[in-house]
Amino acid sequence: MQKTIKKPSPRLRSTYKKLEDVVGCKWSVSVLQAIGAGIARPGALERHIDGISTKVLSERLRKLTQYELLSKQVFAESPPRTEYRLTEKGRKLVDIIDQIRNLDAHSEAAERNATPDR
């Protein structure tokens, strides 16, 4: 008997694509966590995240805003000032990322405790 594999709906494929684009990118998680920690301006983000280029940071900010994980506020000042904040969806994703990090830390601690000293 052959089992039929059901294709995911277009909406579900779109959700998976967004998730891959966000979590699969080396920089997205760092950007989300830095903004969650209160670093809101692009220049401060670039200084805070080791190794990220201006171009990559701009692309990630644009993509994360497009996916409604971040909100962008531009202040009409001279020079213009831009700040980013996590949206509700962004806060939920950062919470999930934190849970995964905690699970990893817990697993590493358990492995260290289970390994006998030589």
PDB file of N, CA and C in Angstrom:
ATOM      1  N   MET A   1       0.839  -1.161   0.000  1.00  0.00           N
ATOM      2  CA  MET A   1       0.000   0.000   0.000  1.00  0.00           C
ATOM      3  C   MET A   1       0.895   1.238   0.000  1.00  0.00           C
ATOM      4  N   GLN A   2       0.651   2.122  -0.949  1.00  0.00           N
ATOM      5  CA  GLN A   2       1.449   3.322  -1.078  1.00  0.00           C
ATOM      6  C   GLN A   2       0.792   4.466  -0.322  1.00  0.00           C
ATOM      7  N   LYS A   3       1.594   5.148   0.469  1.00  0.00           N
ATOM      8  CA  LYS A   3       1.089   6.260   1.265  1.00  0.00           C
ATOM      9  C   LYS A   3       1.201   7.554   0.452  1.00  0.00           C
ATOM     10  N   THR A   4       0.130   8.320   0.413  1.00  0.00           N
ATOM     11  CA  THR A   4       0.120   9.573  -0.315  1.00  0.00           C
ATOM     12  C   THR A   4       0.566  10.697   0.616  1.00  0.00           C
ATOM     13  N   ILE A   5       1.531  11.461   0.141  1.00  0.00           N
ATOM     14  CA  ILE A   5       2.015  12.590   0.919  1.00  0.00           C
ATOM     15  C   ILE A   5       1.277  13.831   0.438  1.00  0.00           C
ATOM     16  N   LYS A   6       0.630  14.475   1.364  1.00  0.00           N
ATOM     17  CA  LYS A   6      -0.151  15.660   1.053  1.00  0.00           C
ATOM     18  C   LYS A   6       0.762  16.883   0.984  1.00  0.00           C
ATOM     19  N   LYS A   7       0.622  17.669  -0.063  1.00  0.00           N
ATOM     20  CA  LYS A   7       1.409  18.894  -0.204  1.00  0.00           C
ATOM     21  C   LYS A   7       0.847  19.960   0.727  1.00  0.00           C
ATOM     22  N   PRO A   8       1.746  20.756   1.327  1.00  0.00           N
ATOM     23  CA  PRO A   8       1.254  21.835   2.189  1.00  0.00           C
ATOM     24  C   PRO A   8       0.544  22.903   1.362  1.00  0.00           C
ATOM     25  N   SER A   9      -0.378  23.583   1.995  1.00  0.00           N
ATOM     26  CA  SER A   9      -1.124  24.638   1.313  1.00  0.00           C
ATOM     27  C   SER A   9      -0.175  25.780   0.940  1.00  0.00           C
ATOM     28  N   PRO A  10      -0.570  26.606  -0.036  1.00  0.00           N
ATOM     29  CA  PRO A  10       0.285  27.751  -0.399  1.00  0.00           C
ATOM     30  C   PRO A  10       0.567  28.673   0.789  1.00  0.00           C
ATOM     31  N   ARG A  11      -0.412  28.855   1.660  1.00  0.00           N
ATOM     32  CA  ARG A  11      -0.218  29.711   2.843  1.00  0.00           C
ATOM     33  C   ARG A  11       0.831  29.102   3.766  1.00  0.00           C
ATOM     34  N   LEU A  12       0.757  27.790   3.980  1.00  0.00           N
ATOM     35  CA  LEU A  12       1.721  27.112   4.839  1.00  0.00           C
ATOM     36  C   LEU A  12       3.117  27.161   4.219  1.00  0.00           C
ATOM     37  N   ARG A  13       3.214  26.974   2.899  1.00  0.00           N
ATOM     38  CA  ARG A  13       4.521  27.076   2.224  1.00  0.00           C
ATOM     39  C   ARG A  13       5.093  28.475   2.405  1.00  0.00           C
ATOM     40  N   SER A  14       4.242  29.491   2.328  1.00  0.00           N
ATOM     41  CA  SER A  14       4.685  30.872   2.509  1.00  0.00           C
ATOM     42  C   SER A  14       5.221  31.078   3.930  1.00  0.00           C
ATOM     43  N   THR A  15       4.536  30.500   4.911  1.00  0.00           N
ATOM     44  CA  THR A  15       4.980  30.599   6.306  1.00  0.00           C
ATOM     45  C   THR A  15       6.325  29.914   6.487  1.00  0.00           C
ATOM     46  N   TYR A  16       6.492  28.716   5.910  1.00  0.00           N
ATOM     47  CA  TYR A  16       7.770  28.007   6.003  1.00  0.00           C
ATOM     48  C   TYR A  16       8.884  28.803   5.332  1.00  0.00           C
ATOM     49  N   LYS A  17       8.588  29.418   4.198  1.00  0.00           N
ATOM     50  CA  LYS A  17       9.576  30.214   3.478  1.00  0.00           C
ATOM     51  C   LYS A  17      10.047  31.375   4.345  1.00  0.00           C
ATOM     52  N   LYS A  18       9.099  32.054   4.987  1.00  0.00           N
ATOM     53  CA  LYS A  18       9.456  33.167   5.873  1.00  0.00           C
ATOM     54  C   LYS A  18      10.315  32.676   7.034  1.00  0.00           C
ATOM     55  N   LEU A  19       9.920  31.555   7.631  1.00  0.00           N
ATOM     56  CA  LEU A  19      10.668  31.009   8.761  1.00  0.00           C
ATOM     57  C   LEU A  19      12.092  30.654   8.342  1.00  0.00           C
ATOM     58  N   GLU A  20      12.240  30.004   7.185  1.00  0.00           N
ATOM     59  CA  GLU A  20      13.572  29.669   6.684  1.00  0.00           C
ATOM     60  C   GLU A  20      14.390  30.925   6.437  1.00  0.00           C
ATOM     61  N   ASP A  21      13.750  31.952   5.892  1.00  0.00           N
ATOM     62  CA  ASP A  21      14.461  33.185   5.577  1.00  0.00           C
ATOM     63  C   ASP A  21      14.914  33.894   6.842  1.00  0.00           C
ATOM     64  N   VAL A  22      14.122  33.819   7.886  1.00  0.00           N
ATOM     65  CA  VAL A  22      14.477  34.495   9.135  1.00  0.00           C
ATOM     66  C   VAL A  22      15.459  33.652   9.942  1.00  0.00           C
ATOM     67  N   VAL A  23      15.062  32.452  10.303  1.00  0.00           N
ATOM     68  CA  VAL A  23      15.883  31.623  11.182  1.00  0.00           C
ATOM     69  C   VAL A  23      17.087  31.046  10.444  1.00  0.00           C
ATOM     70  N   GLY A  24      16.946  30.826   9.147  1.00  0.00           N
ATOM     71  CA  GLY A  24      18.039  30.260   8.363  1.00  0.00           C
ATOM     72  C   GLY A  24      19.153  31.248   8.070  1.00  0.00           C
ATOM     73  N   CYS A  25      18.883  32.525   8.278  1.00  0.00           N
ATOM     74  CA  CYS A  25      19.904  33.540   8.036  1.00  0.00           C
ATOM     75  C   CYS A  25      20.789  33.677   9.271  1.00  0.00           C
ATOM     76  N   LYS A  26      22.056  33.732   9.036  1.00  0.00           N
ATOM     77  CA  LYS A  26      23.041  33.854  10.105  1.00  0.00           C
ATOM     78  C   LYS A  26      22.811  35.088  10.981  1.00  0.00           C
ATOM     79  N   TRP A  27      22.267  36.156  10.405  1.00  0.00           N
ATOM     80  CA  TRP A  27      22.193  37.425  11.114  1.00  0.00           C
ATOM     81  C   TRP A  27      20.837  37.751  11.711  1.00  0.00           C
ATOM     82  N   SER A  28      19.763  37.171  11.228  1.00  0.00           N
ATOM     83  CA  SER A  28      18.419  37.563  11.671  1.00  0.00           C
ATOM     84  C   SER A  28      18.221  37.404  13.169  1.00  0.00           C
ATOM     85  N   VAL A  29      18.644  36.292  13.714  1.00  0.00           N
ATOM     86  CA  VAL A  29      18.449  36.039  15.138  1.00  0.00           C
ATOM     87  C   VAL A  29      19.214  37.072  15.965  1.00  0.00           C
ATOM     88  N   SER A  30      20.434  37.392  15.552  1.00  0.00           N
ATOM     89  CA  SER A  30      21.228  38.400  16.264  1.00  0.00           C
ATOM     90  C   SER A  30      20.546  39.766  16.225  1.00  0.00           C
ATOM     91  N   VAL A  31      19.991  40.123  15.072  1.00  0.00           N
ATOM     92  CA  VAL A  31      19.300  41.409  14.936  1.00  0.00           C
ATOM     93  C   VAL A  31      18.067  41.430  15.829  1.00  0.00           C
ATOM     94  N   LEU A  32      17.265  40.374  15.776  1.00  0.00           N
ATOM     95  CA  LEU A  32      16.052  40.316  16.596  1.00  0.00           C
ATOM     96  C   LEU A  32      16.385  40.403  18.086  1.00  0.00           C
ATOM     97  N   GLN A  33      17.389  39.663  18.517  1.00  0.00           N
ATOM     98  CA  GLN A  33      17.740  39.673  19.934  1.00  0.00           C
ATOM     99  C   GLN A  33      18.303  41.021  20.374  1.00  0.00           C
ATOM    100  N   ALA A  34      19.098  41.659  19.526  1.00  0.00           N
ATOM    101  CA  ALA A  34      19.644  42.968  19.880  1.00  0.00           C
ATOM    102  C   ALA A  34      18.526  44.004  20.008  1.00  0.00           C
ATOM    103  N   ILE A  35      17.585  43.975  19.093  1.00  0.00           N
ATOM    104  CA  ILE A  35      16.462  44.910  19.171  1.00  0.00           C
ATOM    105  C   ILE A  35      15.609  44.582  20.395  1.00  0.00           C
ATOM    106  N   GLY A  36      15.427  43.304  20.682  1.00  0.00           N
ATOM    107  CA  GLY A  36      14.696  42.903  21.885  1.00  0.00           C
ATOM    108  C   GLY A  36      15.374  43.370  23.159  1.00  0.00           C
ATOM    109  N   ALA A  37      16.696  43.534  23.114  1.00  0.00           N
ATOM    110  CA  ALA A  37      17.456  44.009  24.274  1.00  0.00           C
ATOM    111  C   ALA A  37      17.463  45.535  24.369  1.00  0.00           C
ATOM    112  N   GLY A  38      16.789  46.193  23.408  1.00  0.00           N
ATOM    113  CA  GLY A  38      16.662  47.642  23.487  1.00  0.00           C
ATOM    114  C   GLY A  38      17.558  48.432  22.561  1.00  0.00           C
ATOM    115  N   ILE A  39      18.324  47.774  21.730  1.00  0.00           N
ATOM    116  CA  ILE A  39      19.178  48.483  20.766  1.00  0.00           C
ATOM    117  C   ILE A  39      18.312  48.750  19.536  1.00  0.00           C
ATOM    118  N   ALA A  40      17.974  50.015  19.301  1.00  0.00           N
ATOM    119  CA  ALA A  40      16.937  50.342  18.336  1.00  0.00           C
ATOM    120  C   ALA A  40      17.439  51.005  17.057  1.00  0.00           C
ATOM    121  N   ARG A  41      18.610  51.590  17.086  1.00  0.00           N
ATOM    122  CA  ARG A  41      19.081  52.360  15.927  1.00  0.00           C
ATOM    123  C   ARG A  41      20.076  51.554  15.109  1.00  0.00           C
ATOM    124  N   PRO A  42      20.013  51.701  13.776  1.00  0.00           N
ATOM    125  CA  PRO A  42      20.886  50.908  12.903  1.00  0.00           C
ATOM    126  C   PRO A  42      22.372  51.021  13.223  1.00  0.00           C
ATOM    127  N   GLY A  43      22.862  52.214  13.492  1.00  0.00           N
ATOM    128  CA  GLY A  43      24.289  52.371  13.808  1.00  0.00           C
ATOM    129  C   GLY A  43      24.671  51.615  15.071  1.00  0.00           C
ATOM    130  N   ALA A  44      23.820  51.690  16.083  1.00  0.00           N
ATOM    131  CA  ALA A  44      24.081  50.968  17.339  1.00  0.00           C
ATOM    132  C   ALA A  44      24.010  49.458  17.116  1.00  0.00           C
ATOM    133  N   LEU A  45      23.084  49.023  16.276  1.00  0.00           N
ATOM    134  CA  LEU A  45      22.991  47.592  15.957  1.00  0.00           C
ATOM    135  C   LEU A  45      24.262  47.116  15.270  1.00  0.00           C
ATOM    136  N   GLU A  46      24.739  47.907  14.321  1.00  0.00           N
ATOM    137  CA  GLU A  46      25.953  47.532  13.589  1.00  0.00           C
ATOM    138  C   GLU A  46      27.158  47.435  14.530  1.00  0.00           C
ATOM    139  N   ARG A  47      27.243  48.334  15.488  1.00  0.00           N
ATOM    140  CA  ARG A  47      28.357  48.280  16.461  1.00  0.00           C
ATOM    141  C   ARG A  47      28.195  47.106  17.422  1.00  0.00           C
ATOM    142  N   HIS A  48      26.959  46.760  17.750  1.00  0.00           N
ATOM    143  CA  HIS A  48      26.681  45.705  18.725  1.00  0.00           C
ATOM    144  C   HIS A  48      26.867  44.294  18.154  1.00  0.00           C
ATOM    145  N   ILE A  49      26.537  44.101  16.880  1.00  0.00           N
ATOM    146  CA  ILE A  49      26.581  42.765  16.264  1.00  0.00           C
ATOM    147  C   ILE A  49      27.906  42.606  15.529  1.00  0.00           C
ATOM    148  N   ASP A  50      28.823  41.863  16.138  1.00  0.00           N
ATOM    149  CA  ASP A  50      30.154  41.677  15.560  1.00  0.00           C
ATOM    150  C   ASP A  50      30.080  41.037  14.175  1.00  0.00           C
ATOM    151  N   GLY A  51      30.736  41.672  13.207  1.00  0.00           N
ATOM    152  CA  GLY A  51      30.891  41.085  11.887  1.00  0.00           C
ATOM    153  C   GLY A  51      29.802  41.421  10.877  1.00  0.00           C
ATOM    154  N   ILE A  52      28.713  42.050  11.287  1.00  0.00           N
ATOM    155  CA  ILE A  52      27.641  42.347  10.338  1.00  0.00           C
ATOM    156  C   ILE A  52      28.014  43.611   9.546  1.00  0.00           C
ATOM    157  N   SER A  53      27.753  43.576   8.258  1.00  0.00           N
ATOM    158  CA  SER A  53      28.034  44.739   7.423  1.00  0.00           C
ATOM    159  C   SER A  53      26.806  45.641   7.351  1.00  0.00           C
ATOM    160  N   THR A  54      27.015  46.880   6.951  1.00  0.00           N
ATOM    161  CA  THR A  54      25.912  47.823   6.797  1.00  0.00           C
ATOM    162  C   THR A  54      24.897  47.299   5.798  1.00  0.00           C
ATOM    163  N   LYS A  55      25.392  46.740   4.699  1.00  0.00           N
ATOM    164  CA  LYS A  55      24.515  46.216   3.641  1.00  0.00           C
ATOM    165  C   LYS A  55      23.645  45.073   4.161  1.00  0.00           C
ATOM    166  N   VAL A  56      24.251  44.123   4.848  1.00  0.00           N
ATOM    167  CA  VAL A  56      23.508  42.971   5.370  1.00  0.00           C
ATOM    168  C   VAL A  56      22.527  43.421   6.453  1.00  0.00           C
ATOM    169  N   LEU A  57      22.948  44.312   7.327  1.00  0.00           N
ATOM    170  CA  LEU A  57      22.047  44.817   8.366  1.00  0.00           C
ATOM    171  C   LEU A  57      20.839  45.497   7.733  1.00  0.00           C
ATOM    172  N   SER A  58      21.056  46.329   6.749  1.00  0.00           N
ATOM    173  CA  SER A  58      19.943  47.011   6.071  1.00  0.00           C
ATOM    174  C   SER A  58      18.988  46.016   5.438  1.00  0.00           C
ATOM    175  N   GLU A  59      19.526  44.983   4.802  1.00  0.00           N
ATOM    176  CA  GLU A  59      18.688  43.960   4.169  1.00  0.00           C
ATOM    177  C   GLU A  59      17.875  43.196   5.207  1.00  0.00           C
ATOM    178  N   ARG A  60      18.514  42.835   6.315  1.00  0.00           N
ATOM    179  CA  ARG A  60      17.810  42.096   7.370  1.00  0.00           C
ATOM    180  C   ARG A  60      16.726  42.962   8.007  1.00  0.00           C
ATOM    181  N   LEU A  61      17.028  44.223   8.286  1.00  0.00           N
ATOM    182  CA  LEU A  61      16.020  45.115   8.852  1.00  0.00           C
ATOM    183  C   LEU A  61      14.827  45.261   7.916  1.00  0.00           C
ATOM    184  N   ARG A  62      15.106  45.391   6.634  1.00  0.00           N
ATOM    185  CA  ARG A  62      14.033  45.511   5.638  1.00  0.00           C
ATOM    186  C   ARG A  62      13.183  44.239   5.607  1.00  0.00           C
ATOM    187  N   LYS A  63      13.827  43.096   5.587  1.00  0.00           N
ATOM    188  CA  LYS A  63      13.118  41.812   5.507  1.00  0.00           C
ATOM    189  C   LYS A  63      12.321  41.546   6.780  1.00  0.00           C
ATOM    190  N   LEU A  64      12.915  41.793   7.937  1.00  0.00           N
ATOM    191  CA  LEU A  64      12.218  41.555   9.204  1.00  0.00           C
ATOM    192  C   LEU A  64      11.038  42.505   9.381  1.00  0.00           C
ATOM    193  N   THR A  65      11.161  43.712   8.852  1.00  0.00           N
ATOM    194  CA  THR A  65      10.034  44.656   8.867  1.00  0.00           C
ATOM    195  C   THR A  65       8.951  44.185   7.904  1.00  0.00           C
ATOM    196  N   GLN A  66       9.361  43.727   6.736  1.00  0.00           N
ATOM    197  CA  GLN A  66       8.406  43.203   5.743  1.00  0.00           C
ATOM    198  C   GLN A  66       7.626  42.019   6.316  1.00  0.00           C
ATOM    199  N   TYR A  67       8.267  41.170   7.097  1.00  0.00           N
ATOM    200  CA  TYR A  67       7.614  40.002   7.705  1.00  0.00           C
ATOM    201  C   TYR A  67       6.861  40.361   8.979  1.00  0.00           C
ATOM    202  N   GLU A  68       6.815  41.645   9.294  1.00  0.00           N
ATOM    203  CA  GLU A  68       6.073  42.163  10.443  1.00  0.00           C
ATOM    204  C   GLU A  68       6.609  41.657  11.784  1.00  0.00           C
ATOM    205  N   LEU A  69       7.920  41.414  11.824  1.00  0.00           N
ATOM    206  CA  LEU A  69       8.580  41.054  13.076  1.00  0.00           C
ATOM    207  C   LEU A  69       9.142  42.298  13.750  1.00  0.00           C
ATOM    208  N   LEU A  70       9.378  43.337  12.955  1.00  0.00           N
ATOM    209  CA  LEU A  70       9.861  44.620  13.446  1.00  0.00           C
ATOM    210  C   LEU A  70       8.954  45.734  12.947  1.00  0.00           C
ATOM    211  N   SER A  71       8.893  46.806  13.715  1.00  0.00           N
ATOM    212  CA  SER A  71       8.255  48.029  13.234  1.00  0.00           C
ATOM    213  C   SER A  71       9.355  49.077  13.105  1.00  0.00           C
ATOM    214  N   LYS A  72       9.169  49.962  12.156  1.00  0.00           N
ATOM    215  CA  LYS A  72      10.165  50.994  11.872  1.00  0.00           C
ATOM    216  C   LYS A  72       9.542  52.356  12.114  1.00  0.00           C
ATOM    217  N   GLN A  73      10.267  53.205  12.824  1.00  0.00           N
ATOM    218  CA  GLN A  73       9.805  54.562  13.047  1.00  0.00           C
ATOM    219  C   GLN A  73      10.898  55.518  12.587  1.00  0.00           C
ATOM    220  N   VAL A  74      10.518  56.432  11.687  1.00  0.00           N
ATOM    221  CA  VAL A  74      11.449  57.434  11.178  1.00  0.00           C
ATOM    222  C   VAL A  74      11.045  58.771  11.770  1.00  0.00           C
ATOM    223  N   PHE A  75      12.002  59.432  12.407  1.00  0.00           N
ATOM    224  CA  PHE A  75      11.756  60.722  13.027  1.00  0.00           C
ATOM    225  C   PHE A  75      12.179  61.833  12.062  1.00  0.00           C
ATOM    226  N   ALA A  76      11.326  62.819  11.908  1.00  0.00           N
ATOM    227  CA  ALA A  76      11.591  63.935  10.995  1.00  0.00           C
ATOM    228  C   ALA A  76      12.521  64.930  11.676  1.00  0.00           C
ATOM    229  N   GLU A  77      13.778  64.568  11.725  1.00  0.00           N
ATOM    230  CA  GLU A  77      14.805  65.405  12.331  1.00  0.00           C
ATOM    231  C   GLU A  77      15.905  65.618  11.306  1.00  0.00           C
ATOM    232  N   SER A  78      16.816  66.487  11.635  1.00  0.00           N
ATOM    233  CA  SER A  78      17.967  66.673  10.767  1.00  0.00           C
ATOM    234  C   SER A  78      19.220  66.406  11.585  1.00  0.00           C
ATOM    235  N   PRO A  79      19.971  65.369  11.324  1.00  0.00           N
ATOM    236  CA  PRO A  79      19.722  64.324  10.324  1.00  0.00           C
ATOM    237  C   PRO A  79      18.592  63.389  10.771  1.00  0.00           C
ATOM    238  N   PRO A  80      17.964  62.711   9.802  1.00  0.00           N
ATOM    239  CA  PRO A  80      16.850  61.813  10.148  1.00  0.00           C
ATOM    240  C   PRO A  80      17.309  60.697  11.090  1.00  0.00           C
ATOM    241  N   ARG A  81      16.426  60.298  11.965  1.00  0.00           N
ATOM    242  CA  ARG A  81      16.713  59.230  12.925  1.00  0.00           C
ATOM    243  C   ARG A  81      15.696  58.114  12.694  1.00  0.00           C
ATOM    244  N   THR A  82      16.185  56.880  12.665  1.00  0.00           N
ATOM    245  CA  THR A  82      15.326  55.711  12.471  1.00  0.00           C
ATOM    246  C   THR A  82      15.512  54.769  13.643  1.00  0.00           C
ATOM    247  N   GLU A  83      14.402  54.252  14.154  1.00  0.00           N
ATOM    248  CA  GLU A  83      14.454  53.268  15.238  1.00  0.00           C
ATOM    249  C   GLU A  83      13.563  52.087  14.898  1.00  0.00           C
ATOM    250  N   TYR A  84      13.968  50.927  15.380  1.00  0.00           N
ATOM    251  CA  TYR A  84      13.224  49.691  15.167  1.00  0.00           C
ATOM    252  C   TYR A  84      12.781  49.127  16.514  1.00  0.00           C
ATOM    253  N   ARG A  85      11.631  48.503  16.517  1.00  0.00           N
ATOM    254  CA  ARG A  85      11.079  47.840  17.703  1.00  0.00           C
ATOM    255  C   ARG A  85      10.530  46.488  17.282  1.00  0.00           C
ATOM    256  N   LEU A  86      10.512  45.545  18.218  1.00  0.00           N
ATOM    257  CA  LEU A  86       9.868  44.263  17.964  1.00  0.00           C
ATOM    258  C   LEU A  86       8.348  44.458  17.946  1.00  0.00           C
ATOM    259  N   THR A  87       7.694  43.802  17.010  1.00  0.00           N
ATOM    260  CA  THR A  87       6.239  43.748  17.037  1.00  0.00           C
ATOM    261  C   THR A  87       5.840  42.610  17.968  1.00  0.00           C
ATOM    262  N   GLU A  88       4.558  42.406  18.154  1.00  0.00           N
ATOM    263  CA  GLU A  88       4.094  41.274  18.979  1.00  0.00           C
ATOM    264  C   GLU A  88       4.610  39.962  18.405  1.00  0.00           C
ATOM    265  N   LYS A  89       4.531  39.802  17.072  1.00  0.00           N
ATOM    266  CA  LYS A  89       5.057  38.587  16.426  1.00  0.00           C
ATOM    267  C   LYS A  89       6.555  38.452  16.670  1.00  0.00           C
ATOM    268  N   GLY A  90       7.272  39.565  16.593  1.00  0.00           N
ATOM    269  CA  GLY A  90       8.716  39.550  16.832  1.00  0.00           C
ATOM    270  C   GLY A  90       9.049  39.153  18.257  1.00  0.00           C
ATOM    271  N   ARG A  91       8.280  39.682  19.230  1.00  0.00           N
ATOM    272  CA  ARG A  91       8.506  39.310  20.644  1.00  0.00           C
ATOM    273  C   ARG A  91       8.267  37.819  20.856  1.00  0.00           C
ATOM    274  N   LYS A  92       7.225  37.288  20.229  1.00  0.00           N
ATOM    275  CA  LYS A  92       6.939  35.858  20.372  1.00  0.00           C
ATOM    276  C   LYS A  92       8.070  35.016  19.787  1.00  0.00           C
ATOM    277  N   LEU A  93       8.599  35.433  18.635  1.00  0.00           N
ATOM    278  CA  LEU A  93       9.698  34.685  18.026  1.00  0.00           C
ATOM    279  C   LEU A  93      10.952  34.765  18.896  1.00  0.00           C
ATOM    280  N   VAL A  94      11.251  35.923  19.446  1.00  0.00           N
ATOM    281  CA  VAL A  94      12.415  36.061  20.332  1.00  0.00           C
ATOM    282  C   VAL A  94      12.234  35.195  21.576  1.00  0.00           C
ATOM    283  N   ASP A  95      11.019  35.116  22.090  1.00  0.00           N
ATOM    284  CA  ASP A  95      10.747  34.230  23.237  1.00  0.00           C
ATOM    285  C   ASP A  95      11.042  32.775  22.875  1.00  0.00           C
ATOM    286  N   ILE A  96      10.647  32.360  21.682  1.00  0.00           N
ATOM    287  CA  ILE A  96      10.908  30.980  21.230  1.00  0.00           C
ATOM    288  C   ILE A  96      12.412  30.757  21.080  1.00  0.00           C
ATOM    289  N   ILE A  97      13.114  31.716  20.511  1.00  0.00           N
ATOM    290  CA  ILE A  97      14.572  31.614  20.359  1.00  0.00           C
ATOM    291  C   ILE A  97      15.233  31.498  21.737  1.00  0.00           C
ATOM    292  N   ASP A  98      14.768  32.288  22.698  1.00  0.00           N
ATOM    293  CA  ASP A  98      15.308  32.210  24.059  1.00  0.00           C
ATOM    294  C   ASP A  98      15.046  30.833  24.678  1.00  0.00           C
ATOM    295  N   GLN A  99      13.878  30.274  24.435  1.00  0.00           N
ATOM    296  CA  GLN A  99      13.562  28.940  24.948  1.00  0.00           C
ATOM    297  C   GLN A  99      14.491  27.894  24.350  1.00  0.00           C
ATOM    298  N   ILE A 100      14.797  28.025  23.066  1.00  0.00           N
ATOM    299  CA  ILE A 100      15.717  27.083  22.408  1.00  0.00           C
ATOM    300  C   ILE A 100      17.121  27.225  23.004  1.00  0.00           C
ATOM    301  N   ARG A 101      17.562  28.456  23.244  1.00  0.00           N
ATOM    302  CA  ARG A 101      18.877  28.665  23.868  1.00  0.00           C
ATOM    303  C   ARG A 101      18.925  28.081  25.270  1.00  0.00           C
ATOM    304  N   ASN A 102      17.848  28.272  26.036  1.00  0.00           N
ATOM    305  CA  ASN A 102      17.785  27.708  27.384  1.00  0.00           C
ATOM    306  C   ASN A 102      17.816  26.185  27.344  1.00  0.00           C
ATOM    307  N   LEU A 103      17.107  25.592  26.395  1.00  0.00           N
ATOM    308  CA  LEU A 103      17.111  24.137  26.239  1.00  0.00           C
ATOM    309  C   LEU A 103      18.518  23.647  25.914  1.00  0.00           C
ATOM    310  N   ASP A 104      19.201  24.369  25.025  1.00  0.00           N
ATOM    311  CA  ASP A 104      20.563  24.006  24.653  1.00  0.00           C
ATOM    312  C   ASP A 104      21.503  24.103  25.852  1.00  0.00           C
ATOM    313  N   ALA A 105      21.385  25.182  26.610  1.00  0.00           N
ATOM    314  CA  ALA A 105      22.236  25.350  27.797  1.00  0.00           C
ATOM    315  C   ALA A 105      21.948  24.258  28.822  1.00  0.00           C
ATOM    316  N   HIS A 106      20.675  23.929  29.005  1.00  0.00           N
ATOM    317  CA  HIS A 106      20.284  22.868  29.933  1.00  0.00           C
ATOM    318  C   HIS A 106      20.858  21.519  29.475  1.00  0.00           C
ATOM    319  N   SER A 107      20.776  21.242  28.179  1.00  0.00           N
ATOM    320  CA  SER A 107      21.300  19.985  27.630  1.00  0.00           C
ATOM    321  C   SER A 107      22.813  19.895  27.806  1.00  0.00           C
ATOM    322  N   GLU A 108      23.508  21.008  27.551  1.00  0.00           N
ATOM    323  CA  GLU A 108      24.967  21.022  27.718  1.00  0.00           C
ATOM    324  C   GLU A 108      25.351  20.792  29.174  1.00  0.00           C
ATOM    325  N   ALA A 109      24.616  21.414  30.082  1.00  0.00           N
ATOM    326  CA  ALA A 109      24.896  21.232  31.515  1.00  0.00           C
ATOM    327  C   ALA A 109      24.655  19.790  31.927  1.00  0.00           C
ATOM    328  N   ALA A 110      23.609  19.196  31.422  1.00  0.00           N
ATOM    329  CA  ALA A 110      23.293  17.801  31.746  1.00  0.00           C
ATOM    330  C   ALA A 110      24.386  16.872  31.205  1.00  0.00           C
ATOM    331  N   GLU A 111      24.883  17.155  30.010  1.00  0.00           N
ATOM    332  CA  GLU A 111      25.973  16.346  29.434  1.00  0.00           C
ATOM    333  C   GLU A 111      27.245  16.464  30.246  1.00  0.00           C
ATOM    334  N   ARG A 112      27.571  17.690  30.693  1.00  0.00           N
ATOM    335  CA  ARG A 112      28.766  17.885  31.506  1.00  0.00           C
ATOM    336  C   ARG A 112      28.654  17.124  32.832  1.00  0.00           C
ATOM    337  N   ASN A 113      27.472  17.152  33.424  1.00  0.00           N
ATOM    338  CA  ASN A 113      27.259  16.464  34.699  1.00  0.00           C
ATOM    339  C   ASN A 113      27.251  14.956  34.553  1.00  0.00           C
ATOM    340  N   ALA A 114      26.879  14.481  33.369  1.00  0.00           N
ATOM    341  CA  ALA A 114      26.806  13.025  33.137  1.00  0.00           C
ATOM    342  C   ALA A 114      28.150  12.449  32.739  1.00  0.00           C
ATOM    343  N   THR A 115      29.093  13.283  32.295  1.00  0.00           N
ATOM    344  CA  THR A 115      30.404  12.807  31.841  1.00  0.00           C
ATOM    345  C   THR A 115      31.303  12.607  33.042  1.00  0.00           C
ATOM    346  N   PRO A 116      31.772  11.375  33.267  1.00  0.00           N
ATOM    347  CA  PRO A 116      32.673  11.131  34.412  1.00  0.00           C
ATOM    348  C   PRO A 116      34.045  11.779  34.177  1.00  0.00           C
ATOM    349  N   ASP A 117      34.622  12.284  35.249  1.00  0.00           N
ATOM    350  CA  ASP A 117      35.972  12.857  35.155  1.00  0.00           C
ATOM    351  C   ASP A 117      36.962  11.728  34.997  1.00  0.00           C
ATOM    352  N   ARG A 118      38.029  12.001  34.286  1.00  0.00           N
ATOM    353  CA  ARG A 118      39.037  10.960  34.051  1.00  0.00           C
ATOM    354  C   ARG A 118      40.172  11.100  34.981  1.00  0.00           C
TER     355      ARG A 118
END
